[in-house]
Amino acid sequence: MEIIKLREDYIKLGQALKAAGLAESGVEAKYAAQDGLVSVNGETVYQRGKKLVDGDVVTYKGETIKITK
């Protein structure tokens, strides 16, 4: 499980995927979300701009990212 520490109150989904190395670009993150391949807290997310906050858990390509403060 990859852990991403927040520097602000939130991080956008696309930025989190790139920071964790699961997406090489914002375009890749955008298509992953649009295609319904990403889930946040167990729910499919279709917006790469979704704001993630402390405690959120993202799953993509069988990998998990936890967002912490």
PDB file of N, CA and C in Angstrom:
ATOM      1  N   MET A   1       0.847  -1.185   0.000  1.00  0.00           N
ATOM      2  CA  MET A   1       0.000   0.000   0.000  1.00  0.00           C
ATOM      3  C   MET A   1       0.886   1.240   0.000  1.00  0.00           C
ATOM      4  N   GLU A   2       0.616   2.106  -0.937  1.00  0.00           N
ATOM      5  CA  GLU A   2       1.312   3.390  -1.048  1.00  0.00           C
ATOM      6  C   GLU A   2       0.608   4.387  -0.126  1.00  0.00           C
ATOM      7  N   ILE A   3       1.381   5.174   0.602  1.00  0.00           N
ATOM      8  CA  ILE A   3       0.806   6.204   1.465  1.00  0.00           C
ATOM      9  C   ILE A   3       1.225   7.565   0.938  1.00  0.00           C
ATOM     10  N   ILE A   4       0.239   8.432   0.768  1.00  0.00           N
ATOM     11  CA  ILE A   4       0.511   9.797   0.316  1.00  0.00           C
ATOM     12  C   ILE A   4       0.138  10.743   1.443  1.00  0.00           C
ATOM     13  N   LYS A   5       1.116  11.540   1.874  1.00  0.00           N
ATOM     14  CA  LYS A   5       0.870  12.526   2.932  1.00  0.00           C
ATOM     15  C   LYS A   5       0.419  13.834   2.301  1.00  0.00           C
ATOM     16  N   LEU A   6      -0.649  14.371   2.829  1.00  0.00           N
ATOM     17  CA  LEU A   6      -1.185  15.634   2.332  1.00  0.00           C
ATOM     18  C   LEU A   6      -0.338  16.808   2.810  1.00  0.00           C
ATOM     19  N   ARG A   7      -0.079  17.737   1.911  1.00  0.00           N
ATOM     20  CA  ARG A   7       0.573  18.991   2.280  1.00  0.00           C
ATOM     21  C   ARG A   7      -0.473  20.081   2.475  1.00  0.00           C
ATOM     22  N   GLU A   8      -1.634  19.866   1.873  1.00  0.00           N
ATOM     23  CA  GLU A   8      -2.752  20.811   1.962  1.00  0.00           C
ATOM     24  C   GLU A   8      -3.939  20.034   2.535  1.00  0.00           C
ATOM     25  N   ASP A   9      -5.127  20.583   2.398  1.00  0.00           N
ATOM     26  CA  ASP A   9      -6.316  19.908   2.927  1.00  0.00           C
ATOM     27  C   ASP A   9      -6.752  18.732   2.066  1.00  0.00           C
ATOM     28  N   TYR A  10      -6.342  18.721   0.791  1.00  0.00           N
ATOM     29  CA  TYR A  10      -6.756  17.664  -0.124  1.00  0.00           C
ATOM     30  C   TYR A  10      -5.733  17.529  -1.255  1.00  0.00           C
ATOM     31  N   ILE A  11      -5.863  16.428  -2.000  1.00  0.00           N
ATOM     32  CA  ILE A  11      -5.110  16.220  -3.230  1.00  0.00           C
ATOM     33  C   ILE A  11      -6.115  15.699  -4.250  1.00  0.00           C
ATOM     34  N   LYS A  12      -5.975  16.103  -5.488  1.00  0.00           N
ATOM     35  CA  LYS A  12      -6.895  15.625  -6.521  1.00  0.00           C
ATOM     36  C   LYS A  12      -6.506  14.211  -6.938  1.00  0.00           C
ATOM     37  N   LEU A  13      -7.491  13.458  -7.366  1.00  0.00           N
ATOM     38  CA  LEU A  13      -7.291  12.057  -7.735  1.00  0.00           C
ATOM     39  C   LEU A  13      -6.179  11.884  -8.762  1.00  0.00           C
ATOM     40  N   GLY A  14      -6.194  12.676  -9.817  1.00  0.00           N
ATOM     41  CA  GLY A  14      -5.163  12.569 -10.851  1.00  0.00           C
ATOM     42  C   GLY A  14      -3.771  12.796 -10.297  1.00  0.00           C
ATOM     43  N   GLN A  15      -3.637  13.764  -9.400  1.00  0.00           N
ATOM     44  CA  GLN A  15      -2.338  14.051  -8.787  1.00  0.00           C
ATOM     45  C   GLN A  15      -1.891  12.887  -7.908  1.00  0.00           C
ATOM     46  N   ALA A  16      -2.829  12.285  -7.193  1.00  0.00           N
ATOM     47  CA  ALA A  16      -2.499  11.156  -6.323  1.00  0.00           C
ATOM     48  C   ALA A  16      -2.027   9.957  -7.141  1.00  0.00           C
ATOM     49  N   LEU A  17      -2.700   9.682  -8.256  1.00  0.00           N
ATOM     50  CA  LEU A  17      -2.285   8.562  -9.108  1.00  0.00           C
ATOM     51  C   LEU A  17      -0.884   8.791  -9.663  1.00  0.00           C
ATOM     52  N   LYS A  18      -0.595  10.024 -10.053  1.00  0.00           N
ATOM     53  CA  LYS A  18       0.745  10.339 -10.570  1.00  0.00           C
ATOM     54  C   LYS A  18       1.782  10.258  -9.456  1.00  0.00           C
ATOM     55  N   ALA A  19       1.469  10.780  -8.275  1.00  0.00           N
ATOM     56  CA  ALA A  19       2.412  10.768  -7.151  1.00  0.00           C
ATOM     57  C   ALA A  19       2.756   9.344  -6.722  1.00  0.00           C
ATOM     58  N   ALA A  20       1.797   8.442  -6.842  1.00  0.00           N
ATOM     59  CA  ALA A  20       2.019   7.047  -6.458  1.00  0.00           C
ATOM     60  C   ALA A  20       2.682   6.242  -7.571  1.00  0.00           C
ATOM     61  N   GLY A  21       2.870   6.870  -8.729  1.00  0.00           N
ATOM     62  CA  GLY A  21       3.499   6.179  -9.846  1.00  0.00           C
ATOM     63  C   GLY A  21       2.562   5.250 -10.598  1.00  0.00           C
ATOM     64  N   LEU A  22       1.264   5.395 -10.386  1.00  0.00           N
ATOM     65  CA  LEU A  22       0.295   4.527 -11.055  1.00  0.00           C
ATOM     66  C   LEU A  22      -0.181   5.095 -12.378  1.00  0.00           C
ATOM     67  N   ALA A  23       0.061   6.386 -12.598  1.00  0.00           N
ATOM     68  CA  ALA A  23      -0.266   7.031 -13.873  1.00  0.00           C
ATOM     69  C   ALA A  23       0.929   7.889 -14.258  1.00  0.00           C
ATOM     70  N   GLU A  24       1.336   7.786 -15.516  1.00  0.00           N
ATOM     71  CA  GLU A  24       2.496   8.547 -15.966  1.00  0.00           C
ATOM     72  C   GLU A  24       2.153   9.986 -16.299  1.00  0.00           C
ATOM     73  N   SER A  25       0.876  10.252 -16.565  1.00  0.00           N
ATOM     74  CA  SER A  25       0.476  11.608 -16.943  1.00  0.00           C
ATOM     75  C   SER A  25      -0.949  11.872 -16.483  1.00  0.00           C
ATOM     76  N   GLY A  26      -1.316  13.150 -16.535  1.00  0.00           N
ATOM     77  CA  GLY A  26      -2.681  13.521 -16.204  1.00  0.00           C
ATOM     78  C   GLY A  26      -3.679  12.928 -17.177  1.00  0.00           C
ATOM     79  N   VAL A  27      -3.258  12.789 -18.430  1.00  0.00           N
ATOM     80  CA  VAL A  27      -4.134  12.205 -19.450  1.00  0.00           C
ATOM     81  C   VAL A  27      -4.435  10.748 -19.109  1.00  0.00           C
ATOM     82  N   GLU A  28      -3.413  10.004 -18.709  1.00  0.00           N
ATOM     83  CA  GLU A  28      -3.621   8.604 -18.323  1.00  0.00           C
ATOM     84  C   GLU A  28      -4.563   8.517 -17.124  1.00  0.00           C
ATOM     85  N   ALA A  29      -4.375   9.396 -16.146  1.00  0.00           N
ATOM     86  CA  ALA A  29      -5.243   9.418 -14.965  1.00  0.00           C
ATOM     87  C   ALA A  29      -6.679   9.755 -15.359  1.00  0.00           C
ATOM     88  N   LYS A  30      -6.825  10.693 -16.276  1.00  0.00           N
ATOM     89  CA  LYS A  30      -8.156  11.108 -16.742  1.00  0.00           C
ATOM     90  C   LYS A  30      -8.897   9.933 -17.376  1.00  0.00           C
ATOM     91  N   TYR A  31      -8.230   9.224 -18.288  1.00  0.00           N
ATOM     92  CA  TYR A  31      -8.882   8.101 -18.959  1.00  0.00           C
ATOM     93  C   TYR A  31      -9.166   6.948 -18.002  1.00  0.00           C
ATOM     94  N   ALA A  32      -8.276   6.718 -17.045  1.00  0.00           N
ATOM     95  CA  ALA A  32      -8.511   5.661 -16.059  1.00  0.00           C
ATOM     96  C   ALA A  32      -9.791   5.949 -15.277  1.00  0.00           C
ATOM     97  N   ALA A  33      -9.956   7.207 -14.872  1.00  0.00           N
ATOM     98  CA  ALA A  33     -11.161   7.588 -14.128  1.00  0.00           C
ATOM     99  C   ALA A  33     -12.394   7.526 -15.026  1.00  0.00           C
ATOM    100  N   GLN A  34     -12.304   8.095 -16.221  1.00  0.00           N
ATOM    101  CA  GLN A  34     -13.454   8.106 -17.136  1.00  0.00           C
ATOM    102  C   GLN A  34     -13.920   6.702 -17.488  1.00  0.00           C
ATOM    103  N   ASP A  35     -12.980   5.766 -17.545  1.00  0.00           N
ATOM    104  CA  ASP A  35     -13.317   4.383 -17.892  1.00  0.00           C
ATOM    105  C   ASP A  35     -13.800   3.577 -16.685  1.00  0.00           C
ATOM    106  N   GLY A  36     -13.884   4.212 -15.507  1.00  0.00           N
ATOM    107  CA  GLY A  36     -14.383   3.532 -14.314  1.00  0.00           C
ATOM    108  C   GLY A  36     -13.414   2.537 -13.716  1.00  0.00           C
ATOM    109  N   LEU A  37     -12.117   2.763 -13.902  1.00  0.00           N
ATOM    110  CA  LEU A  37     -11.099   1.833 -13.412  1.00  0.00           C
ATOM    111  C   LEU A  37     -10.576   2.186 -12.024  1.00  0.00           C
ATOM    112  N   VAL A  38     -11.023   3.317 -11.477  1.00  0.00           N
ATOM    113  CA  VAL A  38     -10.513   3.804 -10.194  1.00  0.00           C
ATOM    114  C   VAL A  38     -11.647   3.816  -9.175  1.00  0.00           C
ATOM    115  N   SER A  39     -11.342   3.369  -7.958  1.00  0.00           N
ATOM    116  CA  SER A  39     -12.347   3.469  -6.897  1.00  0.00           C
ATOM    117  C   SER A  39     -11.764   4.217  -5.705  1.00  0.00           C
ATOM    118  N   VAL A  40     -12.623   4.949  -5.032  1.00  0.00           N
ATOM    119  CA  VAL A  40     -12.255   5.675  -3.817  1.00  0.00           C
ATOM    120  C   VAL A  40     -13.200   5.201  -2.721  1.00  0.00           C
ATOM    121  N   ASN A  41     -12.624   4.660  -1.668  1.00  0.00           N
ATOM    122  CA  ASN A  41     -13.407   4.132  -0.544  1.00  0.00           C
ATOM    123  C   ASN A  41     -14.451   3.116  -1.020  1.00  0.00           C
ATOM    124  N   GLY A  42     -14.056   2.303  -2.005  1.00  0.00           N
ATOM    125  CA  GLY A  42     -14.920   1.233  -2.491  1.00  0.00           C
ATOM    126  C   GLY A  42     -15.941   1.631  -3.545  1.00  0.00           C
ATOM    127  N   GLU A  43     -16.001   2.917  -3.902  1.00  0.00           N
ATOM    128  CA  GLU A  43     -16.961   3.382  -4.903  1.00  0.00           C
ATOM    129  C   GLU A  43     -16.228   3.827  -6.163  1.00  0.00           C
ATOM    130  N   THR A  44     -16.729   3.407  -7.325  1.00  0.00           N
ATOM    131  CA  THR A  44     -16.125   3.799  -8.595  1.00  0.00           C
ATOM    132  C   THR A  44     -16.232   5.306  -8.771  1.00  0.00           C
ATOM    133  N   VAL A  45     -15.119   5.913  -9.215  1.00  0.00           N
ATOM    134  CA  VAL A  45     -15.053   7.364  -9.407  1.00  0.00           C
ATOM    135  C   VAL A  45     -14.764   7.629 -10.878  1.00  0.00           C
ATOM    136  N   TYR A  46     -15.460   8.610 -11.450  1.00  0.00           N
ATOM    137  CA  TYR A  46     -15.302   8.931 -12.866  1.00  0.00           C
ATOM    138  C   TYR A  46     -14.666  10.298 -13.107  1.00  0.00           C
ATOM    139  N   GLN A  47     -14.276  11.004 -12.042  1.00  0.00           N
ATOM    140  CA  GLN A  47     -13.697  12.342 -12.177  1.00  0.00           C
ATOM    141  C   GLN A  47     -12.261  12.334 -11.680  1.00  0.00           C
ATOM    142  N   ARG A  48     -11.308  12.689 -12.539  1.00  0.00           N
ATOM    143  CA  ARG A  48      -9.917  12.714 -12.086  1.00  0.00           C
ATOM    144  C   ARG A  48      -9.672  13.883 -11.138  1.00  0.00           C
ATOM    145  N   GLY A  49     -10.575  14.884 -11.126  1.00  0.00           N
ATOM    146  CA  GLY A  49     -10.429  16.046 -10.258  1.00  0.00           C
ATOM    147  C   GLY A  49     -11.057  15.873  -8.884  1.00  0.00           C
ATOM    148  N   LYS A  50     -11.549  14.664  -8.579  1.00  0.00           N
ATOM    149  CA  LYS A  50     -12.154  14.428  -7.264  1.00  0.00           C
ATOM    150  C   LYS A  50     -11.148  14.742  -6.175  1.00  0.00           C
ATOM    151  N   LYS A  51     -11.591  15.469  -5.166  1.00  0.00           N
ATOM    152  CA  LYS A  51     -10.716  15.847  -4.060  1.00  0.00           C
ATOM    153  C   LYS A  51     -10.636  14.704  -3.058  1.00  0.00           C
ATOM    154  N   LEU A  52      -9.416  14.284  -2.757  1.00  0.00           N
ATOM    155  CA  LEU A  52      -9.180  13.232  -1.776  1.00  0.00           C
ATOM    156  C   LEU A  52      -8.705  13.878  -0.483  1.00  0.00           C
ATOM    157  N   VAL A  53      -9.220  13.396   0.636  1.00  0.00           N
ATOM    158  CA  VAL A  53      -8.868  13.953   1.937  1.00  0.00           C
ATOM    159  C   VAL A  53      -8.322  12.852   2.847  1.00  0.00           C
ATOM    160  N   ASP A  54      -7.882  13.253   4.025  1.00  0.00           N
ATOM    161  CA  ASP A  54      -7.324  12.327   5.008  1.00  0.00           C
ATOM    162  C   ASP A  54      -8.257  11.137   5.225  1.00  0.00           C
ATOM    163  N   GLY A  55      -7.712   9.936   5.108  1.00  0.00           N
ATOM    164  CA  GLY A  55      -8.482   8.719   5.338  1.00  0.00           C
ATOM    165  C   GLY A  55      -9.013   8.055   4.081  1.00  0.00           C
ATOM    166  N   ASP A  56      -8.997   8.758   2.955  1.00  0.00           N
ATOM    167  CA  ASP A  56      -9.479   8.159   1.711  1.00  0.00           C
ATOM    168  C   ASP A  56      -8.536   7.049   1.250  1.00  0.00           C
ATOM    169  N   VAL A  57      -9.116   6.019   0.641  1.00  0.00           N
ATOM    170  CA  VAL A  57      -8.352   4.899   0.102  1.00  0.00           C
ATOM    171  C   VAL A  57      -8.713   4.749  -1.375  1.00  0.00           C
ATOM    172  N   VAL A  58      -7.692   4.788  -2.222  1.00  0.00           N
ATOM    173  CA  VAL A  58      -7.867   4.713  -3.673  1.00  0.00           C
ATOM    174  C   VAL A  58      -7.362   3.361  -4.157  1.00  0.00           C
ATOM    175  N   THR A  59      -8.097   2.730  -5.058  1.00  0.00           N
ATOM    176  CA  THR A  59      -7.660   1.475  -5.660  1.00  0.00           C
ATOM    177  C   THR A  59      -7.639   1.629  -7.175  1.00  0.00           C
ATOM    178  N   TYR A  60      -6.508   1.216  -7.780  1.00  0.00           N
ATOM    179  CA  TYR A  60      -6.348   1.282  -9.235  1.00  0.00           C
ATOM    180  C   TYR A  60      -5.299   0.264  -9.648  1.00  0.00           C
ATOM    181  N   LYS A  61      -5.584  -0.517 -10.677  1.00  0.00           N
ATOM    182  CA  LYS A  61      -4.666  -1.546 -11.190  1.00  0.00           C
ATOM    183  C   LYS A  61      -4.228  -2.516 -10.090  1.00  0.00           C
ATOM    184  N   GLY A  62      -5.115  -2.830  -9.175  1.00  0.00           N
ATOM    185  CA  GLY A  62      -4.792  -3.753  -8.097  1.00  0.00           C
ATOM    186  C   GLY A  62      -3.913  -3.162  -7.011  1.00  0.00           C
ATOM    187  N   GLU A  63      -3.597  -1.897  -7.116  1.00  0.00           N
ATOM    188  CA  GLU A  63      -2.769  -1.205  -6.122  1.00  0.00           C
ATOM    189  C   GLU A  63      -3.659  -0.322  -5.256  1.00  0.00           C
ATOM    190  N   THR A  64      -3.222  -0.104  -4.019  1.00  0.00           N
ATOM    191  CA  THR A  64      -3.980   0.715  -3.083  1.00  0.00           C
ATOM    192  C   THR A  64      -3.146   1.899  -2.631  1.00  0.00           C
ATOM    193  N   ILE A  65      -3.799   3.054  -2.572  1.00  0.00           N
ATOM    194  CA  ILE A  65      -3.166   4.283  -2.095  1.00  0.00           C
ATOM    195  C   ILE A  65      -3.982   4.774  -0.910  1.00  0.00           C
ATOM    196  N   LYS A  66      -3.317   5.073   0.199  1.00  0.00           N
ATOM    197  CA  LYS A  66      -4.001   5.648   1.362  1.00  0.00           C
ATOM    198  C   LYS A  66      -3.567   7.093   1.501  1.00  0.00           C
ATOM    199  N   ILE A  67      -4.540   7.968   1.693  1.00  0.00           N
ATOM    200  CA  ILE A  67      -4.279   9.393   1.855  1.00  0.00           C
ATOM    201  C   ILE A  67      -4.256   9.704   3.348  1.00  0.00           C
ATOM    202  N   THR A  68      -3.165  10.322   3.817  1.00  0.00           N
ATOM    203  CA  THR A  68      -3.057  10.675   5.232  1.00  0.00           C
ATOM    204  C   THR A  68      -2.649  12.132   5.381  1.00  0.00           C
ATOM    205  N   LYS A  69      -2.938  12.674   6.532  1.00  0.00           N
ATOM    206  CA  LYS A  69      -2.615  14.080   6.813  1.00  0.00           C
ATOM    207  C   LYS A  69      -1.199  14.217   7.315  1.00  0.00           C
TER     208      LYS A  69
END
